[in-house]
Amino acid sequence: MTKATETKTNDPQEPQRRSRRKIVVVVACVAMVATAVALNHDRLWSDVSSTSAQSPEASGVENTAPLVVGVTPSTERIAPLDACQMVCEATDADGDPLSFMWEASQGEIVGEGSTVEWVAPEAEGLFRVSVTVEDGNGGNAEYSTSVRVKQNRAPEFQSMSSIAEWVTPGSSTYMAFSAQDPDGDEVTYEWDANAGELFGQGDSVVWLAPEEAGSYRVAVVARDAYGGEATREIPIGVMLDAAPVLGEFVVEAIGHTLLSFNVGVWDIFRGRSCSIECAVLDGSAPYTYEWTADEGKLTADGAVARWDAPDRKGPATITVAVTDTNGKTTTGSVLMYVETCTCHFD
C-alpha cells in the first residue's frame, strides 16, 4: 500500500507580495475619503459658516449696552404713604428685549417692567428711586431720580375786595379774593355761581346778576398743584327795590389785644373772642338779623354778635342777613383769619 506524502515548499517572495497588497488597500481607502470630502465640500463649509454666524464672539460682533433716556415720576412731590408712578424710557441698539430691576432708598416698589409705582415712606424727605436695565447679553445701564416726600398744605385766603351785598337785576359787580400757599406752591382759582354769569379769571372776576330777584351765591376755590384747596362763598342779593344798605362792620377784641386788620381780613389769635356789630345806613326799619359762621362759635343778639375763634389756624367767615320791614334782605360778611403765633401781632 502506497502512502501519499505532502511536501511543503517555502517561497522566498511571498512576504513581499502580501506587503504590496496592503499598500494598495490603504491607497484605495484614502482615495475614497478624498472623493467624499470633495463631493461634500460646499455642504460642510455651509454648516461651519452657519455655526460661526450664530456666535457673536466667533464673528467678532460686540454687544451694545442699553441706553436709559430717563426716569419720569408722575409728580415731583407727594405726601407720605402716597403712591407715585415711575416710568423708565430705555432703548437698545441691538434690538434686544430689556428687563428692568427697580429699587428705592426707602418706600416700596409695586409692579414690574418699565412702569411701576413707588409708595412713599411715612417720613418726609428727599428719596432716590433707581432702575437697572439689562439686555440679557451682559449689557446693562443704570439711572436714578429723586422724589420729595412732604405733607401738602392747602392755600389760605388772605384778603378780599369790597363786594356789594346786593345788586339790581341784570347789573354787575366786581369780586376779588387773594390766597397764598404755605408751601410756596402756585395757586390757581376756579369760580362758580349758582345763577348769573362770571367773566374773568384768576383771583378776580365780574359777576353779571340774573334778571330774577333772589338770594345767590358765588364761590371761589383756590388750589395748589398737589391736591390742596380752600373754598370761599360770597352771598349776594338781587333786588328790584332798594334793600337795607349796610355800612362797615365794627369789630372789637374782647379782653385781649390780639386782633388786627389787614387788607380786608381781620386777624385774631386762636381761642380769643371778638364782637362784631352790623351797621345799617339806610332802609326801612325795623330790621331782623340772621348770623352764621363756618368756623368757631357764634352767639348773636340783633345787630351785635360775639364770635369765639377756634384753636386751629385758618380762615373763617361770619355772615349776617339783614331784612327790613318790607322783606328786603341784604347780606354782609366779615372775613377772619385765625393765627397760632402771637408774633403775628407784634
C-alpha atoms as a PDB file:
ATOM      1  CA  MET A   1       0.000   0.000   0.000  1.00  0.00           C
ATOM      2  CA  THR A   2       1.441   3.229  -1.022  1.00  0.00           C
ATOM      3  CA  LYS A   3       1.122   6.318   1.288  1.00  0.00           C
ATOM      4  CA  ALA A   4       0.818   9.762  -0.156  1.00  0.00           C
ATOM      5  CA  THR A   5       3.412  12.128   1.056  1.00  0.00           C
ATOM      6  CA  GLU A   6       2.667  16.023   1.316  1.00  0.00           C
ATOM      7  CA  THR A   7       5.669  18.097   0.521  1.00  0.00           C
ATOM      8  CA  LYS A   8       5.714  21.787   1.773  1.00  0.00           C
ATOM      9  CA  THR A   9       7.779  24.186  -0.267  1.00  0.00           C
ATOM     10  CA  ASN A  10       8.902  27.631   1.109  1.00  0.00           C
ATOM     11  CA  ASP A  11       8.541  30.609  -1.375  1.00  0.00           C
ATOM     12  CA  PRO A  12      11.001  33.443  -0.506  1.00  0.00           C
ATOM     13  CA  GLN A  13       8.909  36.146  -2.437  1.00  0.00           C
ATOM     14  CA  GLU A  14       5.558  35.610  -0.661  1.00  0.00           C
ATOM     15  CA  PRO A  15       6.033  38.268   2.159  1.00  0.00           C
ATOM     16  CA  GLN A  16       6.748  40.975  -0.413  1.00  0.00           C
ATOM     17  CA  ARG A  17       3.579  40.218  -2.343  1.00  0.00           C
ATOM     18  CA  ARG A  18       1.482  40.483   0.828  1.00  0.00           C
ATOM     19  CA  SER A  19       3.010  43.883   1.685  1.00  0.00           C
ATOM     20  CA  ARG A  20       2.189  45.248  -1.752  1.00  0.00           C
ATOM     21  CA  ARG A  21      -1.460  44.184  -1.364  1.00  0.00           C
ATOM     22  CA  LYS A  22      -1.775  46.085   1.953  1.00  0.00           C
ATOM     23  CA  ILE A  23      -0.404  49.280   0.406  1.00  0.00           C
ATOM     24  CA  VAL A  24      -2.905  49.099  -2.417  1.00  0.00           C
ATOM     25  CA  VAL A  25      -5.816  48.763   0.030  1.00  0.00           C
ATOM     26  CA  VAL A  26      -4.675  51.784   2.096  1.00  0.00           C
ATOM     27  CA  VAL A  27      -4.269  53.924  -1.031  1.00  0.00           C
ATOM     28  CA  ALA A  28      -7.747  52.973  -2.162  1.00  0.00           C
ATOM     29  CA  CYS A  29      -9.278  53.996   1.195  1.00  0.00           C
ATOM     30  CA  VAL A  30      -7.533  57.355   1.167  1.00  0.00           C
ATOM     31  CA  ALA A  31      -8.792  57.987  -2.337  1.00  0.00           C
ATOM     32  CA  MET A  32     -12.366  57.198  -1.308  1.00  0.00           C
ATOM     33  CA  VAL A  33     -12.190  59.618   1.649  1.00  0.00           C
ATOM     34  CA  ALA A  34     -10.760  62.366  -0.529  1.00  0.00           C
ATOM     35  CA  THR A  35     -13.527  61.847  -3.054  1.00  0.00           C
ATOM     36  CA  ALA A  36     -16.199  62.075  -0.334  1.00  0.00           C
ATOM     37  CA  VAL A  37     -14.716  65.276   1.056  1.00  0.00           C
ATOM     38  CA  ALA A  38     -14.593  66.832  -2.375  1.00  0.00           C
ATOM     39  CA  LEU A  39     -18.230  65.925  -3.107  1.00  0.00           C
ATOM     40  CA  ASN A  40     -19.498  67.354   0.247  1.00  0.00           C
ATOM     41  CA  HIS A  41     -17.211  70.394   0.422  1.00  0.00           C
ATOM     42  CA  ASP A  42     -19.959  73.008  -0.121  1.00  0.00           C
ATOM     43  CA  ARG A  43     -22.356  71.488   2.403  1.00  0.00           C
ATOM     44  CA  LEU A  44     -19.705  71.092   5.110  1.00  0.00           C
ATOM     45  CA  TRP A  45     -18.473  74.665   4.645  1.00  0.00           C
ATOM     46  CA  SER A  46     -22.040  75.954   4.804  1.00  0.00           C
ATOM     47  CA  ASP A  47     -22.595  74.146   8.121  1.00  0.00           C
ATOM     48  CA  VAL A  48     -19.416  75.544   9.608  1.00  0.00           C
ATOM     49  CA  SER A  49     -20.248  79.061   8.439  1.00  0.00           C
ATOM     50  CA  SER A  50     -23.755  78.823   9.818  1.00  0.00           C
ATOM     51  CA  THR A  51     -22.479  77.725  13.209  1.00  0.00           C
ATOM     52  CA  SER A  52     -19.963  80.565  13.306  1.00  0.00           C
ATOM     53  CA  ALA A  53     -22.611  83.159  12.410  1.00  0.00           C
ATOM     54  CA  GLN A  54     -24.675  82.191  15.459  1.00  0.00           C
ATOM     55  CA  SER A  55     -21.855  83.091  17.860  1.00  0.00           C
ATOM     56  CA  PRO A  56     -21.221  86.876  18.386  1.00  0.00           C
ATOM     57  CA  GLU A  57     -17.825  86.089  19.863  1.00  0.00           C
ATOM     58  CA  ALA A  58     -16.722  83.986  16.867  1.00  0.00           C
ATOM     59  CA  SER A  59     -17.949  86.614  14.364  1.00  0.00           C
ATOM     60  CA  GLY A  60     -16.294  89.483  16.281  1.00  0.00           C
ATOM     61  CA  VAL A  61     -19.592  91.429  16.845  1.00  0.00           C
ATOM     62  CA  GLU A  62     -19.691  93.204  20.246  1.00  0.00           C
ATOM     63  CA  ASN A  63     -22.925  93.617  22.252  1.00  0.00           C
ATOM     64  CA  THR A  64     -24.153  97.210  22.731  1.00  0.00           C
ATOM     65  CA  ALA A  65     -25.404  98.091  26.224  1.00  0.00           C
ATOM     66  CA  PRO A  66     -28.920  99.576  26.627  1.00  0.00           C
ATOM     67  CA  LEU A  67     -29.398 103.340  26.838  1.00  0.00           C
ATOM     68  CA  VAL A  68     -31.662 104.817  29.535  1.00  0.00           C
ATOM     69  CA  VAL A  69     -33.228 108.023  28.215  1.00  0.00           C
ATOM     70  CA  GLY A  70     -34.713 108.939  31.588  1.00  0.00           C
ATOM     71  CA  VAL A  71     -36.958 108.061  34.526  1.00  0.00           C
ATOM     72  CA  THR A  72     -40.044 110.259  34.874  1.00  0.00           C
ATOM     73  CA  PRO A  73     -42.105 110.429  38.092  1.00  0.00           C
ATOM     74  CA  SER A  74     -45.776 111.412  37.787  1.00  0.00           C
ATOM     75  CA  THR A  75     -45.146 114.209  40.299  1.00  0.00           C
ATOM     76  CA  GLU A  76     -42.120 115.899  41.829  1.00  0.00           C
ATOM     77  CA  ARG A  77     -43.612 115.833  45.334  1.00  0.00           C
ATOM     78  CA  ILE A  78     -46.026 113.501  47.098  1.00  0.00           C
ATOM     79  CA  ALA A  79     -47.432 113.160  50.585  1.00  0.00           C
ATOM     80  CA  PRO A  80     -46.197 110.436  52.963  1.00  0.00           C
ATOM     81  CA  LEU A  81     -47.561 106.949  52.130  1.00  0.00           C
ATOM     82  CA  ASP A  82     -48.954 108.158  48.775  1.00  0.00           C
ATOM     83  CA  ALA A  83     -48.084 106.374  45.500  1.00  0.00           C
ATOM     84  CA  CYS A  84     -46.170 107.879  42.589  1.00  0.00           C
ATOM     85  CA  GLN A  85     -45.939 106.309  39.112  1.00  0.00           C
ATOM     86  CA  MET A  86     -42.396 105.910  37.753  1.00  0.00           C
ATOM     87  CA  VAL A  87     -41.785 105.443  34.005  1.00  0.00           C
ATOM     88  CA  CYS A  88     -38.393 104.378  32.587  1.00  0.00           C
ATOM     89  CA  GLU A  89     -37.691 105.079  28.916  1.00  0.00           C
ATOM     90  CA  ALA A  90     -34.855 102.924  27.541  1.00  0.00           C
ATOM     91  CA  THR A  91     -33.623 101.747  24.116  1.00  0.00           C
ATOM     92  CA  ASP A  92     -31.270  99.036  22.836  1.00  0.00           C
ATOM     93  CA  ALA A  93     -29.289  99.460  19.592  1.00  0.00           C
ATOM     94  CA  ASP A  94     -29.210  95.678  19.056  1.00  0.00           C
ATOM     95  CA  GLY A  95     -32.962  95.327  19.471  1.00  0.00           C
ATOM     96  CA  ASP A  96     -32.521  93.042  22.476  1.00  0.00           C
ATOM     97  CA  PRO A  97     -35.503  92.596  24.833  1.00  0.00           C
ATOM     98  CA  LEU A  98     -34.924  94.579  28.019  1.00  0.00           C
ATOM     99  CA  SER A  99     -35.577  93.764  31.651  1.00  0.00           C
ATOM    100  CA  PHE A 100     -35.947  96.306  34.462  1.00  0.00           C
ATOM    101  CA  MET A 101     -34.882  95.988  38.088  1.00  0.00           C
ATOM    102  CA  TRP A 102     -36.113  98.769  40.417  1.00  0.00           C
ATOM    103  CA  GLU A 103     -35.042  99.759  43.900  1.00  0.00           C
ATOM    104  CA  ALA A 104     -35.607 102.704  46.263  1.00  0.00           C
ATOM    105  CA  SER A 105     -33.696 104.159  49.187  1.00  0.00           C
ATOM    106  CA  GLN A 106     -36.934 103.953  51.201  1.00  0.00           C
ATOM    107  CA  GLY A 107     -40.541 103.117  50.453  1.00  0.00           C
ATOM    108  CA  GLU A 108     -41.844 100.248  48.350  1.00  0.00           C
ATOM    109  CA  ILE A 109     -41.755  99.414  44.628  1.00  0.00           C
ATOM    110  CA  VAL A 110     -45.015  97.953  43.300  1.00  0.00           C
ATOM    111  CA  GLY A 111     -45.163  96.307  39.866  1.00  0.00           C
ATOM    112  CA  GLU A 112     -42.556  95.354  37.268  1.00  0.00           C
ATOM    113  CA  GLY A 113     -41.347  96.304  33.813  1.00  0.00           C
ATOM    114  CA  SER A 114     -40.705  99.815  32.548  1.00  0.00           C
ATOM    115  CA  THR A 115     -43.597 101.337  34.553  1.00  0.00           C
ATOM    116  CA  VAL A 116     -44.023 100.815  38.307  1.00  0.00           C
ATOM    117  CA  GLU A 117     -45.431 102.609  41.336  1.00  0.00           C
ATOM    118  CA  TRP A 118     -43.356 103.835  44.244  1.00  0.00           C
ATOM    119  CA  VAL A 119     -45.161 104.006  47.587  1.00  0.00           C
ATOM    120  CA  ALA A 120     -43.545 106.747  49.663  1.00  0.00           C
ATOM    121  CA  PRO A 121     -42.412 106.120  53.251  1.00  0.00           C
ATOM    122  CA  GLU A 122     -44.110 107.717  56.216  1.00  0.00           C
ATOM    123  CA  ALA A 123     -41.186 110.050  56.827  1.00  0.00           C
ATOM    124  CA  GLU A 124     -40.720 113.300  54.920  1.00  0.00           C
ATOM    125  CA  GLY A 125     -37.563 113.989  52.939  1.00  0.00           C
ATOM    126  CA  LEU A 126     -35.839 113.547  49.563  1.00  0.00           C
ATOM    127  CA  PHE A 127     -35.641 109.925  48.398  1.00  0.00           C
ATOM    128  CA  ARG A 128     -33.944 108.228  45.458  1.00  0.00           C
ATOM    129  CA  VAL A 129     -35.552 105.700  43.096  1.00  0.00           C
ATOM    130  CA  SER A 130     -33.175 103.731  40.824  1.00  0.00           C
ATOM    131  CA  VAL A 131     -33.542 101.294  37.920  1.00  0.00           C
ATOM    132  CA  THR A 132     -31.075  98.901  36.252  1.00  0.00           C
ATOM    133  CA  VAL A 133     -31.842  97.941  32.640  1.00  0.00           C
ATOM    134  CA  GLU A 134     -30.342  94.698  31.229  1.00  0.00           C
ATOM    135  CA  ASP A 135     -30.393  93.294  27.672  1.00  0.00           C
ATOM    136  CA  GLY A 136     -29.719  89.621  28.522  1.00  0.00           C
ATOM    137  CA  ASN A 137     -26.317  89.613  26.786  1.00  0.00           C
ATOM    138  CA  GLY A 138     -24.281  91.201  29.550  1.00  0.00           C
ATOM    139  CA  GLY A 139     -25.130  94.792  28.713  1.00  0.00           C
ATOM    140  CA  ASN A 140     -26.748  96.994  31.371  1.00  0.00           C
ATOM    141  CA  ALA A 141     -27.387 100.631  32.251  1.00  0.00           C
ATOM    142  CA  GLU A 142     -28.408 102.366  35.489  1.00  0.00           C
ATOM    143  CA  TYR A 143     -30.427 105.515  36.168  1.00  0.00           C
ATOM    144  CA  SER A 144     -31.850 107.187  39.251  1.00  0.00           C
ATOM    145  CA  THR A 145     -34.056 110.149  40.138  1.00  0.00           C
ATOM    146  CA  SER A 146     -35.213 111.869  43.318  1.00  0.00           C
ATOM    147  CA  VAL A 147     -38.739 112.477  44.624  1.00  0.00           C
ATOM    148  CA  ARG A 148     -39.590 114.713  47.584  1.00  0.00           C
ATOM    149  CA  VAL A 149     -41.997 113.437  50.227  1.00  0.00           C
ATOM    150  CA  LYS A 150     -43.753 116.270  52.032  1.00  0.00           C
ATOM    151  CA  GLN A 151     -47.151 116.750  53.601  1.00  0.00           C
ATOM    152  CA  ASN A 152     -49.040 119.238  51.440  1.00  0.00           C
ATOM    153  CA  ARG A 153     -50.751 122.273  52.992  1.00  0.00           C
ATOM    154  CA  ALA A 154     -53.717 123.860  51.281  1.00  0.00           C
ATOM    155  CA  PRO A 155     -53.780 127.507  50.138  1.00  0.00           C
ATOM    156  CA  GLU A 156     -55.187 130.068  52.583  1.00  0.00           C
ATOM    157  CA  PHE A 157     -57.299 133.099  51.702  1.00  0.00           C
ATOM    158  CA  GLN A 158     -55.630 136.286  52.865  1.00  0.00           C
ATOM    159  CA  SER A 159     -57.830 139.103  51.593  1.00  0.00           C
ATOM    160  CA  MET A 160     -60.963 140.021  49.662  1.00  0.00           C
ATOM    161  CA  SER A 161     -62.149 143.096  47.873  1.00  0.00           C
ATOM    162  CA  SER A 162     -65.124 145.216  48.893  1.00  0.00           C
ATOM    163  CA  ILE A 163     -68.044 143.227  47.497  1.00  0.00           C
ATOM    164  CA  ALA A 164     -71.567 144.604  47.134  1.00  0.00           C
ATOM    165  CA  GLU A 165     -74.148 142.962  49.354  1.00  0.00           C
ATOM    166  CA  TRP A 166     -76.851 143.368  46.692  1.00  0.00           C
ATOM    167  CA  VAL A 167     -77.334 144.482  43.110  1.00  0.00           C
ATOM    168  CA  THR A 168     -80.265 145.165  40.821  1.00  0.00           C
ATOM    169  CA  PRO A 169     -81.342 142.582  38.190  1.00  0.00           C
ATOM    170  CA  GLY A 170     -79.036 142.434  35.180  1.00  0.00           C
ATOM    171  CA  SER A 171     -76.328 144.610  36.753  1.00  0.00           C
ATOM    172  CA  SER A 172     -72.769 143.547  37.524  1.00  0.00           C
ATOM    173  CA  THR A 173     -70.353 143.665  40.444  1.00  0.00           C
ATOM    174  CA  TYR A 174     -66.606 143.112  40.861  1.00  0.00           C
ATOM    175  CA  MET A 175     -65.276 140.362  43.133  1.00  0.00           C
ATOM    176  CA  ALA A 176     -61.696 139.559  44.141  1.00  0.00           C
ATOM    177  CA  PHE A 177     -60.007 137.165  46.571  1.00  0.00           C
ATOM    178  CA  SER A 178     -56.313 136.646  47.226  1.00  0.00           C
ATOM    179  CA  ALA A 179     -54.829 133.395  48.565  1.00  0.00           C
ATOM    180  CA  GLN A 180     -51.317 132.307  49.500  1.00  0.00           C
ATOM    181  CA  ASP A 181     -49.870 128.808  49.753  1.00  0.00           C
ATOM    182  CA  PRO A 182     -47.885 127.940  52.928  1.00  0.00           C
ATOM    183  CA  ASP A 183     -45.604 125.662  50.863  1.00  0.00           C
ATOM    184  CA  GLY A 184     -44.944 128.350  48.262  1.00  0.00           C
ATOM    185  CA  ASP A 185     -46.859 126.435  45.563  1.00  0.00           C
ATOM    186  CA  GLU A 186     -48.525 128.229  42.695  1.00  0.00           C
ATOM    187  CA  VAL A 187     -52.198 128.942  43.376  1.00  0.00           C
ATOM    188  CA  THR A 188     -54.941 128.721  40.747  1.00  0.00           C
ATOM    189  CA  TYR A 189     -58.544 129.896  41.110  1.00  0.00           C
ATOM    190  CA  GLU A 190     -61.846 128.423  39.994  1.00  0.00           C
ATOM    191  CA  TRP A 191     -65.052 130.462  40.217  1.00  0.00           C
ATOM    192  CA  ASP A 192     -68.642 129.266  40.167  1.00  0.00           C
ATOM    193  CA  ALA A 193     -72.080 130.844  40.613  1.00  0.00           C
ATOM    194  CA  ASN A 194     -75.479 129.268  41.131  1.00  0.00           C
ATOM    195  CA  ALA A 195     -77.003 131.882  38.794  1.00  0.00           C
ATOM    196  CA  GLY A 196     -75.926 134.726  36.533  1.00  0.00           C
ATOM    197  CA  GLU A 197     -72.657 134.794  34.566  1.00  0.00           C
ATOM    198  CA  LEU A 198     -68.988 135.150  35.500  1.00  0.00           C
ATOM    199  CA  PHE A 199     -66.393 136.978  33.409  1.00  0.00           C
ATOM    200  CA  GLY A 200     -62.650 136.907  34.019  1.00  0.00           C
ATOM    201  CA  GLN A 201     -60.180 134.533  35.594  1.00  0.00           C
ATOM    202  CA  GLY A 202     -57.540 134.309  38.275  1.00  0.00           C
ATOM    203  CA  ASP A 203     -58.179 135.941  41.642  1.00  0.00           C
ATOM    204  CA  SER A 204     -60.798 138.413  40.357  1.00  0.00           C
ATOM    205  CA  VAL A 205     -63.974 138.235  38.266  1.00  0.00           C
ATOM    206  CA  VAL A 206     -67.078 140.244  37.374  1.00  0.00           C
ATOM    207  CA  TRP A 207     -70.453 138.707  38.176  1.00  0.00           C
ATOM    208  CA  LEU A 208     -73.430 139.596  35.976  1.00  0.00           C
ATOM    209  CA  ALA A 209     -76.589 139.210  38.032  1.00  0.00           C
ATOM    210  CA  PRO A 210     -79.618 137.321  36.718  1.00  0.00           C
ATOM    211  CA  GLU A 211     -82.865 139.088  35.886  1.00  0.00           C
ATOM    212  CA  GLU A 212     -84.752 137.332  38.671  1.00  0.00           C
ATOM    213  CA  ALA A 213     -84.688 138.756  42.167  1.00  0.00           C
ATOM    214  CA  GLY A 214     -83.451 136.500  44.934  1.00  0.00           C
ATOM    215  CA  SER A 215     -80.503 135.458  47.074  1.00  0.00           C
ATOM    216  CA  TYR A 216     -77.494 133.951  45.280  1.00  0.00           C
ATOM    217  CA  ARG A 217     -74.002 132.695  45.998  1.00  0.00           C
ATOM    218  CA  VAL A 218     -70.706 132.998  44.168  1.00  0.00           C
ATOM    219  CA  ALA A 219     -67.966 130.540  45.153  1.00  0.00           C
ATOM    220  CA  VAL A 220     -64.219 130.579  44.561  1.00  0.00           C
ATOM    221  CA  VAL A 221     -61.813 127.647  45.045  1.00  0.00           C
ATOM    222  CA  ALA A 222     -58.066 128.259  45.463  1.00  0.00           C
ATOM    223  CA  ARG A 223     -55.962 125.190  44.576  1.00  0.00           C
ATOM    224  CA  ASP A 224     -52.319 124.181  44.511  1.00  0.00           C
ATOM    225  CA  ALA A 225     -50.796 121.558  42.200  1.00  0.00           C
ATOM    226  CA  TYR A 226     -50.774 118.828  44.868  1.00  0.00           C
ATOM    227  CA  GLY A 227     -54.454 118.496  45.757  1.00  0.00           C
ATOM    228  CA  GLY A 228     -54.726 121.197  48.423  1.00  0.00           C
ATOM    229  CA  GLU A 229     -57.666 123.573  48.145  1.00  0.00           C
ATOM    230  CA  ALA A 230     -59.660 126.176  50.061  1.00  0.00           C
ATOM    231  CA  THR A 231     -63.186 127.427  49.284  1.00  0.00           C
ATOM    232  CA  ARG A 232     -64.992 130.685  49.964  1.00  0.00           C
ATOM    233  CA  GLU A 233     -68.631 131.535  49.215  1.00  0.00           C
ATOM    234  CA  ILE A 234     -69.934 135.064  48.700  1.00  0.00           C
ATOM    235  CA  PRO A 235     -73.640 135.670  49.398  1.00  0.00           C
ATOM    236  CA  ILE A 236     -75.205 138.374  47.262  1.00  0.00           C
ATOM    237  CA  GLY A 237     -78.786 139.516  46.708  1.00  0.00           C
ATOM    238  CA  VAL A 238     -80.577 140.622  43.563  1.00  0.00           C
ATOM    239  CA  MET A 239     -83.418 143.038  44.363  1.00  0.00           C
ATOM    240  CA  LEU A 240     -85.930 145.087  42.381  1.00  0.00           C
ATOM    241  CA  ASP A 241     -86.257 147.804  45.019  1.00  0.00           C
ATOM    242  CA  ALA A 242     -83.781 149.233  47.440  1.00  0.00           C
ATOM    243  CA  ALA A 243     -82.814 146.909  50.282  1.00  0.00           C
ATOM    244  CA  PRO A 244     -81.123 147.850  53.539  1.00  0.00           C
ATOM    245  CA  VAL A 245     -77.750 149.484  52.946  1.00  0.00           C
ATOM    246  CA  LEU A 246     -75.056 148.173  55.260  1.00  0.00           C
ATOM    247  CA  GLY A 247     -72.084 150.152  56.491  1.00  0.00           C
ATOM    248  CA  GLU A 248     -68.697 148.934  57.690  1.00  0.00           C
ATOM    249  CA  PHE A 249     -68.702 146.222  60.340  1.00  0.00           C
ATOM    250  CA  VAL A 250     -67.333 147.249  63.723  1.00  0.00           C
ATOM    251  CA  VAL A 251     -65.031 144.518  65.065  1.00  0.00           C
ATOM    252  CA  GLU A 252     -63.532 144.772  68.564  1.00  0.00           C
ATOM    253  CA  ALA A 253     -61.465 142.422  70.711  1.00  0.00           C
ATOM    254  CA  ILE A 254     -62.984 141.139  73.947  1.00  0.00           C
ATOM    255  CA  GLY A 255     -60.478 141.038  76.817  1.00  0.00           C
ATOM    256  CA  HIS A 256     -57.288 140.941  74.716  1.00  0.00           C
ATOM    257  CA  THR A 257     -55.242 142.844  72.140  1.00  0.00           C
ATOM    258  CA  LEU A 258     -54.512 140.042  69.673  1.00  0.00           C
ATOM    259  CA  LEU A 259     -56.723 141.404  66.910  1.00  0.00           C
ATOM    260  CA  SER A 260     -55.635 143.340  63.808  1.00  0.00           C
ATOM    261  CA  PHE A 261     -56.975 144.333  60.396  1.00  0.00           C
ATOM    262  CA  ASN A 262     -55.032 143.761  57.190  1.00  0.00           C
ATOM    263  CA  VAL A 263     -56.286 144.226  53.606  1.00  0.00           C
ATOM    264  CA  GLY A 264     -59.912 143.252  54.152  1.00  0.00           C
ATOM    265  CA  VAL A 265     -59.206 140.495  56.663  1.00  0.00           C
ATOM    266  CA  TRP A 266     -59.319 140.538  60.474  1.00  0.00           C
ATOM    267  CA  ASP A 267     -56.541 138.500  62.118  1.00  0.00           C
ATOM    268  CA  ILE A 268     -57.219 137.063  65.563  1.00  0.00           C
ATOM    269  CA  PHE A 269     -55.280 134.758  67.864  1.00  0.00           C
ATOM    270  CA  ARG A 270     -56.653 131.247  68.368  1.00  0.00           C
ATOM    271  CA  GLY A 271     -59.251 130.813  71.116  1.00  0.00           C
ATOM    272  CA  ARG A 272     -59.764 134.572  71.500  1.00  0.00           C
ATOM    273  CA  SER A 273     -63.118 136.373  71.144  1.00  0.00           C
ATOM    274  CA  CYS A 274     -64.360 139.482  69.409  1.00  0.00           C
ATOM    275  CA  SER A 275     -67.621 141.402  68.968  1.00  0.00           C
ATOM    276  CA  ILE A 276     -68.998 142.187  65.516  1.00  0.00           C
ATOM    277  CA  GLU A 277     -71.586 144.923  65.017  1.00  0.00           C
ATOM    278  CA  CYS A 278     -73.568 145.339  61.802  1.00  0.00           C
ATOM    279  CA  ALA A 279     -74.454 148.958  60.949  1.00  0.00           C
ATOM    280  CA  VAL A 280     -77.418 149.724  58.665  1.00  0.00           C
ATOM    281  CA  LEU A 281     -77.012 153.040  56.850  1.00  0.00           C
ATOM    282  CA  ASP A 282     -80.340 153.170  55.051  1.00  0.00           C
ATOM    283  CA  GLY A 283     -83.534 151.154  54.841  1.00  0.00           C
ATOM    284  CA  SER A 284     -86.988 150.627  56.326  1.00  0.00           C
ATOM    285  CA  ALA A 285     -86.723 149.711  59.989  1.00  0.00           C
ATOM    286  CA  PRO A 286     -87.217 147.631  61.998  1.00  0.00           C
ATOM    287  CA  TYR A 287     -84.655 145.056  60.926  1.00  0.00           C
ATOM    288  CA  THR A 288     -84.097 141.418  61.702  1.00  0.00           C
ATOM    289  CA  TYR A 289     -80.601 139.898  61.764  1.00  0.00           C
ATOM    290  CA  GLU A 290     -79.626 136.315  60.975  1.00  0.00           C
ATOM    291  CA  TRP A 291     -75.980 135.460  61.792  1.00  0.00           C
ATOM    292  CA  THR A 292     -73.937 132.419  60.672  1.00  0.00           C
ATOM    293  CA  ALA A 293     -70.267 131.342  60.900  1.00  0.00           C
ATOM    294  CA  ASP A 294     -68.463 128.499  59.129  1.00  0.00           C
ATOM    295  CA  GLU A 295     -65.847 128.165  61.904  1.00  0.00           C
ATOM    296  CA  GLY A 296     -65.706 128.884  65.644  1.00  0.00           C
ATOM    297  CA  LYS A 297     -68.605 129.622  67.995  1.00  0.00           C
ATOM    298  CA  LEU A 298     -71.122 132.386  67.298  1.00  0.00           C
ATOM    299  CA  THR A 299     -73.721 133.954  69.634  1.00  0.00           C
ATOM    300  CA  ALA A 300     -75.820 136.896  68.438  1.00  0.00           C
ATOM    301  CA  ASP A 301     -78.354 139.408  69.714  1.00  0.00           C
ATOM    302  CA  GLY A 302     -79.756 141.651  66.999  1.00  0.00           C
ATOM    303  CA  ALA A 303     -77.148 143.770  65.276  1.00  0.00           C
ATOM    304  CA  VAL A 304     -74.274 142.579  67.512  1.00  0.00           C
ATOM    305  CA  ALA A 305     -72.680 139.122  67.603  1.00  0.00           C
ATOM    306  CA  ARG A 306     -69.874 137.551  69.634  1.00  0.00           C
ATOM    307  CA  TRP A 307     -67.504 135.204  67.856  1.00  0.00           C
ATOM    308  CA  ASP A 308     -65.091 132.817  69.616  1.00  0.00           C
ATOM    309  CA  ALA A 309     -62.211 131.772  67.364  1.00  0.00           C
ATOM    310  CA  PRO A 310     -61.317 128.051  67.068  1.00  0.00           C
ATOM    311  CA  ASP A 311     -57.978 126.691  68.302  1.00  0.00           C
ATOM    312  CA  ARG A 312     -56.661 125.783  64.861  1.00  0.00           C
ATOM    313  CA  LYS A 313     -55.126 128.089  62.300  1.00  0.00           C
ATOM    314  CA  GLY A 314     -57.131 129.066  59.232  1.00  0.00           C
ATOM    315  CA  PRO A 315     -59.797 131.303  57.696  1.00  0.00           C
ATOM    316  CA  ALA A 316     -63.395 131.808  58.850  1.00  0.00           C
ATOM    317  CA  THR A 317     -66.337 133.781  57.508  1.00  0.00           C
ATOM    318  CA  ILE A 318     -69.063 135.395  59.641  1.00  0.00           C
ATOM    319  CA  THR A 319     -72.181 136.321  57.665  1.00  0.00           C
ATOM    320  CA  VAL A 320     -75.280 138.334  58.582  1.00  0.00           C
ATOM    321  CA  ALA A 321     -78.506 138.693  56.607  1.00  0.00           C
ATOM    322  CA  VAL A 322     -80.411 141.925  57.408  1.00  0.00           C
ATOM    323  CA  THR A 323     -84.110 142.057  56.471  1.00  0.00           C
ATOM    324  CA  ASP A 324     -86.175 145.257  56.615  1.00  0.00           C
ATOM    325  CA  THR A 325     -89.869 145.726  57.332  1.00  0.00           C
ATOM    326  CA  ASN A 326     -90.699 145.281  53.624  1.00  0.00           C
ATOM    327  CA  GLY A 327     -88.997 141.892  53.460  1.00  0.00           C
ATOM    328  CA  LYS A 328     -85.962 143.134  51.583  1.00  0.00           C
ATOM    329  CA  THR A 329     -82.751 141.414  52.641  1.00  0.00           C
ATOM    330  CA  THR A 330     -79.129 142.466  52.377  1.00  0.00           C
ATOM    331  CA  THR A 331     -76.275 140.126  53.239  1.00  0.00           C
ATOM    332  CA  GLY A 332     -72.856 141.148  54.548  1.00  0.00           C
ATOM    333  CA  SER A 333     -69.831 139.191  55.716  1.00  0.00           C
ATOM    334  CA  VAL A 334     -66.638 139.581  57.737  1.00  0.00           C
ATOM    335  CA  LEU A 335     -63.561 137.576  56.794  1.00  0.00           C
ATOM    336  CA  MET A 336     -61.472 136.413  59.759  1.00  0.00           C
ATOM    337  CA  TYR A 337     -58.153 134.577  59.925  1.00  0.00           C
ATOM    338  CA  VAL A 338     -57.044 132.633  62.989  1.00  0.00           C
ATOM    339  CA  GLU A 339     -53.336 132.822  63.807  1.00  0.00           C
ATOM    340  CA  THR A 340     -51.489 130.442  66.152  1.00  0.00           C
ATOM    341  CA  CYS A 341     -48.439 132.613  66.875  1.00  0.00           C
ATOM    342  CA  THR A 342     -48.566 135.816  68.893  1.00  0.00           C
ATOM    343  CA  CYS A 343     -45.597 137.097  66.868  1.00  0.00           C
ATOM    344  CA  HIS A 344     -48.061 137.944  64.116  1.00  0.00           C
ATOM    345  CA  PHE A 345     -49.439 140.764  66.281  1.00  0.00           C
ATOM    346  CA  ASP A 346     -46.098 142.378  67.200  1.00  0.00           C
END
